[in-house]
PDB file of N, CA and C in Angstrom:
ATOM      1  N   UNK A   1     -45.844  -3.877  52.320  1.00  0.00           N
ATOM      2  CA  UNK A   1     -46.376  -5.085  52.907  1.00  0.00           C
ATOM      3  C   UNK A   1     -47.886  -5.127  52.775  1.00  0.00           C
ATOM      4  N   UNK A   2     -48.426  -6.340  52.645  1.00  0.00           N
ATOM      5  CA  UNK A   2     -49.873  -6.469  52.579  1.00  0.00           C
ATOM      6  C   UNK A   2     -50.460  -6.425  53.987  1.00  0.00           C
ATOM      7  N   UNK A   3     -51.677  -5.950  54.076  1.00  0.00           N
ATOM      8  CA  UNK A   3     -52.460  -6.018  55.309  1.00  0.00           C
ATOM      9  C   UNK A   3     -53.464  -7.147  55.134  1.00  0.00           C
ATOM     10  N   UNK A   4     -53.625  -7.959  56.182  1.00  0.00           N
ATOM     11  CA  UNK A   4     -54.432  -9.171  56.063  1.00  0.00           C
ATOM     12  C   UNK A   4     -55.539  -9.173  57.104  1.00  0.00           C
ATOM     13  N   UNK A   5     -56.745  -9.570  56.687  1.00  0.00           N
ATOM     14  CA  UNK A   5     -57.893  -9.668  57.581  1.00  0.00           C
ATOM     15  C   UNK A   5     -58.590 -11.001  57.338  1.00  0.00           C
ATOM     16  N   UNK A   6     -58.650 -11.822  58.395  1.00  0.00           N
ATOM     17  CA  UNK A   6     -59.294 -13.129  58.281  1.00  0.00           C
ATOM     18  C   UNK A   6     -60.779 -13.051  58.664  1.00  0.00           C
ATOM     19  N   UNK A   7     -61.528 -14.016  58.163  1.00  0.00           N
ATOM     20  CA  UNK A   7     -62.920 -14.187  58.564  1.00  0.00           C
ATOM     21  C   UNK A   7     -63.303 -15.643  58.381  1.00  0.00           C
ATOM     22  N   UNK A   8     -64.408 -16.047  59.036  1.00  0.00           N
ATOM     23  CA  UNK A   8     -64.956 -17.371  58.779  1.00  0.00           C
ATOM     24  C   UNK A   8     -64.780 -18.388  59.878  1.00  0.00           C
ATOM     25  N   UNK A   9     -64.139 -18.035  60.968  1.00  0.00           N
ATOM     26  CA  UNK A   9     -63.995 -18.992  62.056  1.00  0.00           C
ATOM     27  C   UNK A   9     -65.305 -19.204  62.787  1.00  0.00           C
ATOM     28  N   UNK A  10     -65.283 -20.131  63.741  1.00  0.00           N
ATOM     29  CA  UNK A  10     -66.483 -20.379  64.529  1.00  0.00           C
ATOM     30  C   UNK A  10     -66.446 -21.725  65.204  1.00  0.00           C
ATOM     31  N   UNK A  11     -67.612 -22.136  65.694  1.00  0.00           N
ATOM     32  CA  UNK A  11     -67.778 -23.412  66.379  1.00  0.00           C
ATOM     33  C   UNK A  11     -68.456 -24.394  65.431  1.00  0.00           C
ATOM     34  N   UNK A  12     -67.898 -25.592  65.334  1.00  0.00           N
ATOM     35  CA  UNK A  12     -68.449 -26.611  64.447  1.00  0.00           C
ATOM     36  C   UNK A  12     -68.301 -27.968  65.127  1.00  0.00           C
ATOM     37  N   UNK A  13     -69.223 -28.877  64.820  1.00  0.00           N
ATOM     38  CA  UNK A  13     -69.155 -30.222  65.383  1.00  0.00           C
ATOM     39  C   UNK A  13     -68.121 -31.064  64.641  1.00  0.00           C
ATOM     40  N   UNK A  14     -67.577 -32.066  65.291  1.00  0.00           N
ATOM     41  CA  UNK A  14     -66.648 -32.972  64.597  1.00  0.00           C
ATOM     42  C   UNK A  14     -67.290 -33.539  63.330  1.00  0.00           C
ATOM     43  N   UNK A  15     -66.496 -33.568  62.270  1.00  0.00           N
ATOM     44  CA  UNK A  15     -66.995 -34.009  60.973  1.00  0.00           C
ATOM     45  C   UNK A  15     -67.565 -32.893  60.126  1.00  0.00           C
ATOM     46  N   UNK A  16     -67.711 -31.735  60.703  1.00  0.00           N
ATOM     47  CA  UNK A  16     -68.272 -30.601  59.974  1.00  0.00           C
ATOM     48  C   UNK A  16     -67.243 -29.870  59.129  1.00  0.00           C
ATOM     49  N   UNK A  17     -67.692 -28.767  58.533  1.00  0.00           N
ATOM     50  CA  UNK A  17     -66.850 -27.988  57.620  1.00  0.00           C
ATOM     51  C   UNK A  17     -66.906 -26.512  57.979  1.00  0.00           C
ATOM     52  N   UNK A  18     -65.819 -25.831  57.667  1.00  0.00           N
ATOM     53  CA  UNK A  18     -65.741 -24.378  57.761  1.00  0.00           C
ATOM     54  C   UNK A  18     -64.875 -23.885  56.620  1.00  0.00           C
ATOM     55  N   UNK A  19     -65.130 -22.651  56.233  1.00  0.00           N
ATOM     56  CA  UNK A  19     -64.302 -22.012  55.210  1.00  0.00           C
ATOM     57  C   UNK A  19     -63.756 -20.709  55.775  1.00  0.00           C
ATOM     58  N   UNK A  20     -62.438 -20.610  55.801  1.00  0.00           N
ATOM     59  CA  UNK A  20     -61.783 -19.386  56.231  1.00  0.00           C
ATOM     60  C   UNK A  20     -61.391 -18.567  55.015  1.00  0.00           C
ATOM     61  N   UNK A  21     -61.508 -17.255  55.152  1.00  0.00           N
ATOM     62  CA  UNK A  21     -61.105 -16.352  54.078  1.00  0.00           C
ATOM     63  C   UNK A  21     -60.156 -15.294  54.632  1.00  0.00           C
ATOM     64  N   UNK A  22     -59.279 -14.841  53.780  1.00  0.00           N
ATOM     65  CA  UNK A  22     -58.308 -13.808  54.147  1.00  0.00           C
ATOM     66  C   UNK A  22     -58.288 -12.783  53.022  1.00  0.00           C
ATOM     67  N   UNK A  23     -58.610 -11.554  53.370  1.00  0.00           N
ATOM     68  CA  UNK A  23     -58.595 -10.467  52.399  1.00  0.00           C
ATOM     69  C   UNK A  23     -57.336  -9.645  52.591  1.00  0.00           C
ATOM     70  N   UNK A  24     -56.683  -9.330  51.471  1.00  0.00           N
ATOM     71  CA  UNK A  24     -55.406  -8.619  51.521  1.00  0.00           C
ATOM     72  C   UNK A  24     -55.485  -7.292  50.798  1.00  0.00           C
ATOM     73  N   UNK A  25     -54.737  -6.339  51.286  1.00  0.00           N
ATOM     74  CA  UNK A  25     -54.556  -5.079  50.580  1.00  0.00           C
ATOM     75  C   UNK A  25     -53.196  -5.126  49.899  1.00  0.00           C
ATOM     76  N   UNK A  26     -52.964  -4.213  48.965  1.00  0.00           N
ATOM     77  CA  UNK A  26     -51.644  -4.169  48.353  1.00  0.00           C
ATOM     78  C   UNK A  26     -51.618  -4.711  46.939  1.00  0.00           C
ATOM     79  N   UNK A  27     -50.998  -3.950  46.061  1.00  0.00           N
ATOM     80  CA  UNK A  27     -51.002  -4.300  44.647  1.00  0.00           C
ATOM     81  C   UNK A  27     -50.127  -5.498  44.313  1.00  0.00           C
ATOM     82  N   UNK A  28     -49.188  -5.847  45.217  1.00  0.00           N
ATOM     83  CA  UNK A  28     -48.271  -6.939  44.881  1.00  0.00           C
ATOM     84  C   UNK A  28     -48.657  -8.229  45.577  1.00  0.00           C
ATOM     85  N   UNK A  29     -49.927  -8.332  45.975  1.00  0.00           N
ATOM     86  CA  UNK A  29     -50.411  -9.552  46.614  1.00  0.00           C
ATOM     87  C   UNK A  29     -50.060 -10.777  45.785  1.00  0.00           C
ATOM     88  N   UNK A  30     -50.178 -10.639  44.474  1.00  0.00           N
ATOM     89  CA  UNK A  30     -50.012 -11.800  43.593  1.00  0.00           C
ATOM     90  C   UNK A  30     -48.607 -12.404  43.702  1.00  0.00           C
ATOM     91  N   UNK A  31     -47.646 -11.624  44.201  1.00  0.00           N
ATOM     92  CA  UNK A  31     -46.274 -12.096  44.291  1.00  0.00           C
ATOM     93  C   UNK A  31     -46.003 -12.863  45.592  1.00  0.00           C
ATOM     94  N   UNK A  32     -46.904 -12.729  46.541  1.00  0.00           N
ATOM     95  CA  UNK A  32     -46.674 -13.298  47.862  1.00  0.00           C
ATOM     96  C   UNK A  32     -46.947 -14.799  47.892  1.00  0.00           C
ATOM     97  N   UNK A  33     -46.175 -15.504  48.718  1.00  0.00           N
ATOM     98  CA  UNK A  33     -46.560 -16.838  49.149  1.00  0.00           C
ATOM     99  C   UNK A  33     -47.567 -16.637  50.281  1.00  0.00           C
ATOM    100  N   UNK A  34     -48.745 -17.192  50.112  1.00  0.00           N
ATOM    101  CA  UNK A  34     -49.807 -17.024  51.109  1.00  0.00           C
ATOM    102  C   UNK A  34     -50.010 -18.339  51.848  1.00  0.00           C
ATOM    103  N   UNK A  35     -50.214 -18.232  53.141  1.00  0.00           N
ATOM    104  CA  UNK A  35     -50.363 -19.448  53.922  1.00  0.00           C
ATOM    105  C   UNK A  35     -51.338 -19.280  55.071  1.00  0.00           C
ATOM    106  N   UNK A  36     -51.744 -20.406  55.595  1.00  0.00           N
ATOM    107  CA  UNK A  36     -52.546 -20.472  56.816  1.00  0.00           C
ATOM    108  C   UNK A  36     -51.737 -21.225  57.866  1.00  0.00           C
ATOM    109  N   UNK A  37     -51.658 -20.626  59.033  1.00  0.00           N
ATOM    110  CA  UNK A  37     -51.013 -21.235  60.189  1.00  0.00           C
ATOM    111  C   UNK A  37     -52.059 -21.374  61.293  1.00  0.00           C
ATOM    112  N   UNK A  38     -51.761 -22.191  62.279  1.00  0.00           N
ATOM    113  CA  UNK A  38     -52.651 -22.305  63.425  1.00  0.00           C
ATOM    114  C   UNK A  38     -51.851 -22.471  64.706  1.00  0.00           C
ATOM    115  N   UNK A  39     -52.467 -22.050  65.785  1.00  0.00           N
ATOM    116  CA  UNK A  39     -51.828 -22.183  67.091  1.00  0.00           C
ATOM    117  C   UNK A  39     -52.874 -22.612  68.109  1.00  0.00           C
ATOM    118  N   UNK A  40     -52.669 -23.797  68.649  1.00  0.00           N
ATOM    119  CA  UNK A  40     -53.542 -24.311  69.695  1.00  0.00           C
ATOM    120  C   UNK A  40     -52.974 -23.902  71.057  1.00  0.00           C
ATOM    121  N   UNK A  41     -53.813 -23.870  72.077  1.00  0.00           N
ATOM    122  CA  UNK A  41     -53.339 -23.486  73.411  1.00  0.00           C
ATOM    123  C   UNK A  41     -52.172 -24.356  73.870  1.00  0.00           C
ATOM    124  N   UNK A  42     -51.095 -23.713  74.303  1.00  0.00           N
ATOM    125  CA  UNK A  42     -49.939 -24.433  74.809  1.00  0.00           C
ATOM    126  C   UNK A  42     -49.040 -25.034  73.756  1.00  0.00           C
ATOM    127  N   UNK A  43     -49.341 -24.746  72.488  1.00  0.00           N
ATOM    128  CA  UNK A  43     -48.542 -25.315  71.397  1.00  0.00           C
ATOM    129  C   UNK A  43     -47.954 -24.217  70.536  1.00  0.00           C
ATOM    130  N   UNK A  44     -46.937 -24.578  69.759  1.00  0.00           N
ATOM    131  CA  UNK A  44     -46.329 -23.620  68.852  1.00  0.00           C
ATOM    132  C   UNK A  44     -47.201 -23.418  67.619  1.00  0.00           C
ATOM    133  N   UNK A  45     -47.048 -22.268  67.016  1.00  0.00           N
ATOM    134  CA  UNK A  45     -47.742 -22.008  65.764  1.00  0.00           C
ATOM    135  C   UNK A  45     -47.169 -22.931  64.694  1.00  0.00           C
ATOM    136  N   UNK A  46     -48.061 -23.508  63.881  1.00  0.00           N
ATOM    137  CA  UNK A  46     -47.628 -24.450  62.854  1.00  0.00           C
ATOM    138  C   UNK A  46     -48.263 -24.116  61.519  1.00  0.00           C
ATOM    139  N   UNK A  47     -47.550 -24.472  60.470  1.00  0.00           N
ATOM    140  CA  UNK A  47     -48.064 -24.287  59.123  1.00  0.00           C
ATOM    141  C   UNK A  47     -49.167 -25.305  58.851  1.00  0.00           C
ATOM    142  N   UNK A  48     -50.268 -24.817  58.305  1.00  0.00           N
ATOM    143  CA  UNK A  48     -51.356 -25.698  57.877  1.00  0.00           C
ATOM    144  C   UNK A  48     -51.252 -25.964  56.376  1.00  0.00           C
ATOM    145  N   UNK A  49     -51.124 -24.873  55.613  1.00  0.00           N
ATOM    146  CA  UNK A  49     -51.019 -24.990  54.162  1.00  0.00           C
ATOM    147  C   UNK A  49     -50.506 -23.682  53.608  1.00  0.00           C
ATOM    148  N   UNK A  50     -49.805 -23.748  52.484  1.00  0.00           N
ATOM    149  CA  UNK A  50     -49.436 -22.519  51.799  1.00  0.00           C
ATOM    150  C   UNK A  50     -49.506 -22.721  50.299  1.00  0.00           C
ATOM    151  N   UNK A  51     -49.536 -21.584  49.591  1.00  0.00           N
ATOM    152  CA  UNK A  51     -49.676 -21.595  48.136  1.00  0.00           C
ATOM    153  C   UNK A  51     -48.811 -20.478  47.580  1.00  0.00           C
ATOM    154  N   UNK A  52     -47.989 -20.821  46.599  1.00  0.00           N
ATOM    155  CA  UNK A  52     -47.095 -19.836  46.015  1.00  0.00           C
ATOM    156  C   UNK A  52     -47.820 -18.971  44.995  1.00  0.00           C
ATOM    157  N   UNK A  53     -47.107 -17.971  44.493  1.00  0.00           N
ATOM    158  CA  UNK A  53     -47.680 -17.113  43.462  1.00  0.00           C
ATOM    159  C   UNK A  53     -47.995 -17.917  42.204  1.00  0.00           C
ATOM    160  N   UNK A  54     -47.266 -18.988  41.982  1.00  0.00           N
ATOM    161  CA  UNK A  54     -47.496 -19.829  40.809  1.00  0.00           C
ATOM    162  C   UNK A  54     -48.488 -20.948  41.040  1.00  0.00           C
ATOM    163  N   UNK A  55     -49.039 -21.026  42.248  1.00  0.00           N
ATOM    164  CA  UNK A  55     -50.070 -22.015  42.528  1.00  0.00           C
ATOM    165  C   UNK A  55     -49.580 -23.323  43.111  1.00  0.00           C
ATOM    166  N   UNK A  56     -48.293 -23.411  43.433  1.00  0.00           N
ATOM    167  CA  UNK A  56     -47.797 -24.624  44.089  1.00  0.00           C
ATOM    168  C   UNK A  56     -48.303 -24.652  45.528  1.00  0.00           C
ATOM    169  N   UNK A  57     -48.744 -25.819  45.960  1.00  0.00           N
ATOM    170  CA  UNK A  57     -49.411 -25.957  47.253  1.00  0.00           C
ATOM    171  C   UNK A  57     -48.687 -26.962  48.127  1.00  0.00           C
ATOM    172  N   UNK A  58     -48.662 -26.649  49.406  1.00  0.00           N
ATOM    173  CA  UNK A  58     -48.045 -27.516  50.407  1.00  0.00           C
ATOM    174  C   UNK A  58     -49.010 -27.629  51.582  1.00  0.00           C
ATOM    175  N   UNK A  59     -49.220 -28.869  52.058  1.00  0.00           N
ATOM    176  CA  UNK A  59     -50.101 -29.097  53.204  1.00  0.00           C
ATOM    177  C   UNK A  59     -49.352 -29.804  54.318  1.00  0.00           C
ATOM    178  N   UNK A  60     -49.726 -29.495  55.547  1.00  0.00           N
ATOM    179  CA  UNK A  60     -49.265 -30.289  56.669  1.00  0.00           C
ATOM    180  C   UNK A  60     -49.873 -31.684  56.555  1.00  0.00           C
ATOM    181  N   UNK A  61     -49.119 -32.691  56.972  1.00  0.00           N
ATOM    182  CA  UNK A  61     -49.613 -34.065  56.867  1.00  0.00           C
ATOM    183  C   UNK A  61     -50.946 -34.243  57.586  1.00  0.00           C
ATOM    184  N   UNK A  62     -51.128 -33.525  58.676  1.00  0.00           N
ATOM    185  CA  UNK A  62     -52.320 -33.700  59.505  1.00  0.00           C
ATOM    186  C   UNK A  62     -53.598 -33.228  58.827  1.00  0.00           C
ATOM    187  N   UNK A  63     -53.497 -32.444  57.760  1.00  0.00           N
ATOM    188  CA  UNK A  63     -54.699 -31.912  57.113  1.00  0.00           C
ATOM    189  C   UNK A  63     -54.848 -32.374  55.670  1.00  0.00           C
ATOM    190  N   UNK A  64     -53.870 -33.110  55.164  1.00  0.00           N
ATOM    191  CA  UNK A  64     -53.952 -33.575  53.772  1.00  0.00           C
ATOM    192  C   UNK A  64     -55.217 -34.382  53.546  1.00  0.00           C
ATOM    193  N   UNK A  65     -55.890 -34.087  52.450  1.00  0.00           N
ATOM    194  CA  UNK A  65     -57.116 -34.799  52.114  1.00  0.00           C
ATOM    195  C   UNK A  65     -58.356 -34.224  52.766  1.00  0.00           C
ATOM    196  N   UNK A  66     -58.183 -33.302  53.712  1.00  0.00           N
ATOM    197  CA  UNK A  66     -59.324 -32.694  54.409  1.00  0.00           C
ATOM    198  C   UNK A  66     -59.431 -31.191  54.140  1.00  0.00           C
ATOM    199  N   UNK A  67     -58.298 -30.522  54.023  1.00  0.00           N
ATOM    200  CA  UNK A  67     -58.277 -29.075  53.830  1.00  0.00           C
ATOM    201  C   UNK A  67     -57.835 -28.757  52.411  1.00  0.00           C
ATOM    202  N   UNK A  68     -58.350 -27.637  51.892  1.00  0.00           N
ATOM    203  CA  UNK A  68     -57.969 -27.164  50.570  1.00  0.00           C
ATOM    204  C   UNK A  68     -57.696 -25.673  50.622  1.00  0.00           C
ATOM    205  N   UNK A  69     -56.508 -25.283  50.200  1.00  0.00           N
ATOM    206  CA  UNK A  69     -56.154 -23.862  50.138  1.00  0.00           C
ATOM    207  C   UNK A  69     -56.313 -23.381  48.694  1.00  0.00           C
ATOM    208  N   UNK A  70     -56.749 -22.135  48.541  1.00  0.00           N
ATOM    209  CA  UNK A  70     -56.878 -21.563  47.202  1.00  0.00           C
ATOM    210  C   UNK A  70     -56.656 -20.065  47.300  1.00  0.00           C
ATOM    211  N   UNK A  71     -56.351 -19.467  46.171  1.00  0.00           N
ATOM    212  CA  UNK A  71     -56.144 -18.016  46.135  1.00  0.00           C
ATOM    213  C   UNK A  71     -56.785 -17.450  44.884  1.00  0.00           C
ATOM    214  N   UNK A  72     -57.190 -16.198  44.985  1.00  0.00           N
ATOM    215  CA  UNK A  72     -57.738 -15.451  43.853  1.00  0.00           C
ATOM    216  C   UNK A  72     -56.968 -14.138  43.808  1.00  0.00           C
ATOM    217  N   UNK A  73     -56.014 -14.062  42.895  1.00  0.00           N
ATOM    218  CA  UNK A  73     -55.166 -12.870  42.846  1.00  0.00           C
ATOM    219  C   UNK A  73     -55.937 -11.622  42.427  1.00  0.00           C
ATOM    220  N   UNK A  74     -56.942 -11.791  41.607  1.00  0.00           N
ATOM    221  CA  UNK A  74     -57.734 -10.640  41.171  1.00  0.00           C
ATOM    222  C   UNK A  74     -58.504 -10.037  42.348  1.00  0.00           C
ATOM    223  N   UNK A  75     -58.996 -10.888  43.230  1.00  0.00           N
ATOM    224  CA  UNK A  75     -59.757 -10.419  44.386  1.00  0.00           C
ATOM    225  C   UNK A  75     -58.865 -10.220  45.608  1.00  0.00           C
ATOM    226  N   UNK A  76     -57.599 -10.625  45.504  1.00  0.00           N
ATOM    227  CA  UNK A  76     -56.655 -10.513  46.623  1.00  0.00           C
ATOM    228  C   UNK A  76     -57.158 -11.264  47.843  1.00  0.00           C
ATOM    229  N   UNK A  77     -57.541 -12.478  47.619  1.00  0.00           N
ATOM    230  CA  UNK A  77     -58.012 -13.311  48.718  1.00  0.00           C
ATOM    231  C   UNK A  77     -57.331 -14.673  48.701  1.00  0.00           C
ATOM    232  N   UNK A  78     -57.249 -15.256  49.877  1.00  0.00           N
ATOM    233  CA  UNK A  78     -56.807 -16.635  50.009  1.00  0.00           C
ATOM    234  C   UNK A  78     -57.776 -17.318  50.963  1.00  0.00           C
ATOM    235  N   UNK A  79     -58.164 -18.537  50.633  1.00  0.00           N
ATOM    236  CA  UNK A  79     -59.175 -19.247  51.403  1.00  0.00           C
ATOM    237  C   UNK A  79     -58.666 -20.605  51.849  1.00  0.00           C
ATOM    238  N   UNK A  80     -59.285 -21.095  52.902  1.00  0.00           N
ATOM    239  CA  UNK A  80     -58.976 -22.431  53.399  1.00  0.00           C
ATOM    240  C   UNK A  80     -60.301 -23.144  53.647  1.00  0.00           C
ATOM    241  N   UNK A  81     -60.598 -24.128  52.808  1.00  0.00           N
ATOM    242  CA  UNK A  81     -61.776 -24.952  52.993  1.00  0.00           C
ATOM    243  C   UNK A  81     -61.397 -26.127  53.885  1.00  0.00           C
ATOM    244  N   UNK A  82     -62.087 -26.251  55.008  1.00  0.00           N
ATOM    245  CA  UNK A  82     -61.760 -27.285  55.991  1.00  0.00           C
ATOM    246  C   UNK A  82     -62.932 -28.243  56.117  1.00  0.00           C
ATOM    247  N   UNK A  83     -62.723 -29.481  55.742  1.00  0.00           N
ATOM    248  CA  UNK A  83     -63.746 -30.520  55.825  1.00  0.00           C
ATOM    249  C   UNK A  83     -63.327 -31.594  56.820  1.00  0.00           C
ATOM    250  N   UNK A  84     -64.278 -32.388  57.221  1.00  0.00           N
ATOM    251  CA  UNK A  84     -64.013 -33.501  58.151  1.00  0.00           C
ATOM    252  C   UNK A  84     -63.217 -33.029  59.361  1.00  0.00           C
ATOM    253  N   UNK A  85     -63.675 -31.943  59.936  1.00  0.00           N
ATOM    254  CA  UNK A  85     -62.936 -31.335  61.044  1.00  0.00           C
ATOM    255  C   UNK A  85     -62.916 -32.246  62.264  1.00  0.00           C
ATOM    256  N   UNK A  86     -61.797 -32.168  62.974  1.00  0.00           N
ATOM    257  CA  UNK A  86     -61.574 -32.977  64.173  1.00  0.00           C
ATOM    258  C   UNK A  86     -61.338 -32.053  65.376  1.00  0.00           C
ATOM    259  N   UNK A  87     -61.580 -32.555  66.569  1.00  0.00           N
ATOM    260  CA  UNK A  87     -61.312 -31.707  67.751  1.00  0.00           C
ATOM    261  C   UNK A  87     -59.883 -31.193  67.790  1.00  0.00           C
ATOM    262  N   UNK A  88     -58.946 -31.968  67.273  1.00  0.00           N
ATOM    263  CA  UNK A  88     -57.546 -31.520  67.287  1.00  0.00           C
ATOM    264  C   UNK A  88     -57.259 -30.415  66.294  1.00  0.00           C
ATOM    265  N   UNK A  89     -58.232 -30.053  65.474  1.00  0.00           N
ATOM    266  CA  UNK A  89     -58.090 -28.893  64.584  1.00  0.00           C
ATOM    267  C   UNK A  89     -58.410 -27.586  65.309  1.00  0.00           C
ATOM    268  N   UNK A  90     -58.877 -27.686  66.533  1.00  0.00           N
ATOM    269  CA  UNK A  90     -59.208 -26.489  67.301  1.00  0.00           C
ATOM    270  C   UNK A  90     -57.963 -25.642  67.527  1.00  0.00           C
ATOM    271  N   UNK A  91     -58.039 -24.376  67.140  1.00  0.00           N
ATOM    272  CA  UNK A  91     -56.892 -23.470  67.236  1.00  0.00           C
ATOM    273  C   UNK A  91     -57.308 -22.089  66.757  1.00  0.00           C
ATOM    274  N   UNK A  92     -56.430 -21.138  66.956  1.00  0.00           N
ATOM    275  CA  UNK A  92     -56.555 -19.852  66.285  1.00  0.00           C
ATOM    276  C   UNK A  92     -55.813 -19.972  64.948  1.00  0.00           C
ATOM    277  N   UNK A  93     -56.500 -19.631  63.894  1.00  0.00           N
ATOM    278  CA  UNK A  93     -55.936 -19.732  62.545  1.00  0.00           C
ATOM    279  C   UNK A  93     -55.516 -18.349  62.063  1.00  0.00           C
ATOM    280  N   UNK A  94     -54.309 -18.289  61.526  1.00  0.00           N
ATOM    281  CA  UNK A  94     -53.730 -17.031  61.075  1.00  0.00           C
ATOM    282  C   UNK A  94     -53.417 -17.091  59.584  1.00  0.00           C
ATOM    283  N   UNK A  95     -53.744 -16.030  58.920  1.00  0.00           N
ATOM    284  CA  UNK A  95     -53.340 -15.857  57.532  1.00  0.00           C
ATOM    285  C   UNK A  95     -51.955 -15.228  57.510  1.00  0.00           C
ATOM    286  N   UNK A  96     -51.125 -15.678  56.590  1.00  0.00           N
ATOM    287  CA  UNK A  96     -49.751 -15.167  56.501  1.00  0.00           C
ATOM    288  C   UNK A  96     -49.395 -14.890  55.055  1.00  0.00           C
ATOM    289  N   UNK A  97     -48.661 -13.796  54.863  1.00  0.00           N
ATOM    290  CA  UNK A  97     -48.132 -13.469  53.545  1.00  0.00           C
ATOM    291  C   UNK A  97     -46.626 -13.305  53.629  1.00  0.00           C
ATOM    292  N   UNK A  98     -45.908 -13.894  52.698  1.00  0.00           N
ATOM    293  CA  UNK A  98     -44.453 -13.836  52.717  1.00  0.00           C
ATOM    294  C   UNK A  98     -43.926 -13.490  51.330  1.00  0.00           C
ATOM    295  N   UNK A  99     -43.003 -12.527  51.317  1.00  0.00           N
ATOM    296  CA  UNK A  99     -42.335 -12.140  50.079  1.00  0.00           C
ATOM    297  C   UNK A  99     -40.915 -11.775  50.441  1.00  0.00           C
ATOM    298  N   UNK A 100     -39.978 -12.672  50.162  1.00  0.00           N
ATOM    299  CA  UNK A 100     -38.606 -12.455  50.586  1.00  0.00           C
ATOM    300  C   UNK A 100     -38.549 -12.278  52.083  1.00  0.00           C
ATOM    301  N   UNK A 101     -37.950 -11.173  52.560  1.00  0.00           N
ATOM    302  CA  UNK A 101     -37.855 -10.947  54.009  1.00  0.00           C
ATOM    303  C   UNK A 101     -39.124 -10.374  54.624  1.00  0.00           C
ATOM    304  N   UNK A 102     -40.094 -10.044  53.804  1.00  0.00           N
ATOM    305  CA  UNK A 102     -41.324  -9.432  54.297  1.00  0.00           C
ATOM    306  C   UNK A 102     -42.277 -10.500  54.811  1.00  0.00           C
ATOM    307  N   UNK A 103     -42.872 -10.236  55.958  1.00  0.00           N
ATOM    308  CA  UNK A 103     -43.863 -11.137  56.549  1.00  0.00           C
ATOM    309  C   UNK A 103     -45.037 -10.311  57.043  1.00  0.00           C
ATOM    310  N   UNK A 104     -46.235 -10.757  56.739  1.00  0.00           N
ATOM    311  CA  UNK A 104     -47.442 -10.111  57.246  1.00  0.00           C
ATOM    312  C   UNK A 104     -48.339 -11.157  57.870  1.00  0.00           C
ATOM    313  N   UNK A 105     -49.003 -10.783  58.973  1.00  0.00           N
ATOM    314  CA  UNK A 105     -49.918 -11.680  59.673  1.00  0.00           C
ATOM    315  C   UNK A 105     -51.261 -11.006  59.861  1.00  0.00           C
ATOM    316  N   UNK A 106     -52.300 -11.798  59.767  1.00  0.00           N
ATOM    317  CA  UNK A 106     -53.612 -11.326  60.156  1.00  0.00           C
ATOM    318  C   UNK A 106     -53.776 -11.406  61.663  1.00  0.00           C
ATOM    319  N   UNK A 107     -54.955 -11.007  62.123  1.00  0.00           N
ATOM    320  CA  UNK A 107     -55.203 -10.943  63.565  1.00  0.00           C
ATOM    321  C   UNK A 107     -55.603 -12.290  64.136  1.00  0.00           C
ATOM    322  N   UNK A 108     -55.948 -13.240  63.291  1.00  0.00           N
ATOM    323  CA  UNK A 108     -56.328 -14.579  63.722  1.00  0.00           C
ATOM    324  C   UNK A 108     -57.830 -14.738  63.856  1.00  0.00           C
ATOM    325  N   UNK A 109     -58.286 -15.958  63.626  1.00  0.00           N
ATOM    326  CA  UNK A 109     -59.695 -16.272  63.798  1.00  0.00           C
ATOM    327  C   UNK A 109     -59.805 -17.629  64.500  1.00  0.00           C
ATOM    328  N   UNK A 110     -60.689 -17.710  65.481  1.00  0.00           N
ATOM    329  CA  UNK A 110     -60.806 -18.913  66.296  1.00  0.00           C
ATOM    330  C   UNK A 110     -61.640 -19.970  65.586  1.00  0.00           C
ATOM    331  N   UNK A 111     -61.116 -21.186  65.549  1.00  0.00           N
ATOM    332  CA  UNK A 111     -61.865 -22.348  65.073  1.00  0.00           C
ATOM    333  C   UNK A 111     -61.945 -23.339  66.226  1.00  0.00           C
ATOM    334  N   UNK A 112     -63.170 -23.702  66.585  1.00  0.00           N
ATOM    335  CA  UNK A 112     -63.389 -24.651  67.668  1.00  0.00           C
ATOM    336  C   UNK A 112     -64.213 -25.814  67.151  1.00  0.00           C
ATOM    337  N   UNK A 113     -63.669 -27.014  67.292  1.00  0.00           N
ATOM    338  CA  UNK A 113     -64.354 -28.227  66.847  1.00  0.00           C
ATOM    339  C   UNK A 113     -64.735 -29.018  68.098  1.00  0.00           C
ATOM    340  N   UNK A 114     -66.029 -29.055  68.366  1.00  0.00           N
ATOM    341  CA  UNK A 114     -66.496 -29.677  69.595  1.00  0.00           C
ATOM    342  C   UNK A 114     -67.955 -30.064  69.467  1.00  0.00           C
ATOM    343  N   UNK A 115     -68.317 -31.150  70.135  1.00  0.00           N
ATOM    344  CA  UNK A 115     -69.715 -31.554  70.159  1.00  0.00           C
ATOM    345  C   UNK A 115     -70.406 -30.997  71.397  1.00  0.00           C
TER     346      UNK A 115
END
């Protein structure tokens, strides 16, 4: 299983941008479906975006046109560029790796959108 470490969260004003990064260990990172999930207080964890080993991308409707997911298999990283942030984007963001029955989660990074 890959080990995942997120970075890049913080406090930003509405309309601002943040970039989250997730660094992975493990030689088979390239085979994993990598995704970003988020969990707001009192709500269930939800998928934000994911990207397959072949580069197919899926976004939640709420972030389409604002967020961009990307991966670099050589560097074993996956990133989430978040633009036009809204207060409702406030949550803990988690990096996730999935390969068949295997699931790995990062520790989470807080994103707060507030004026």
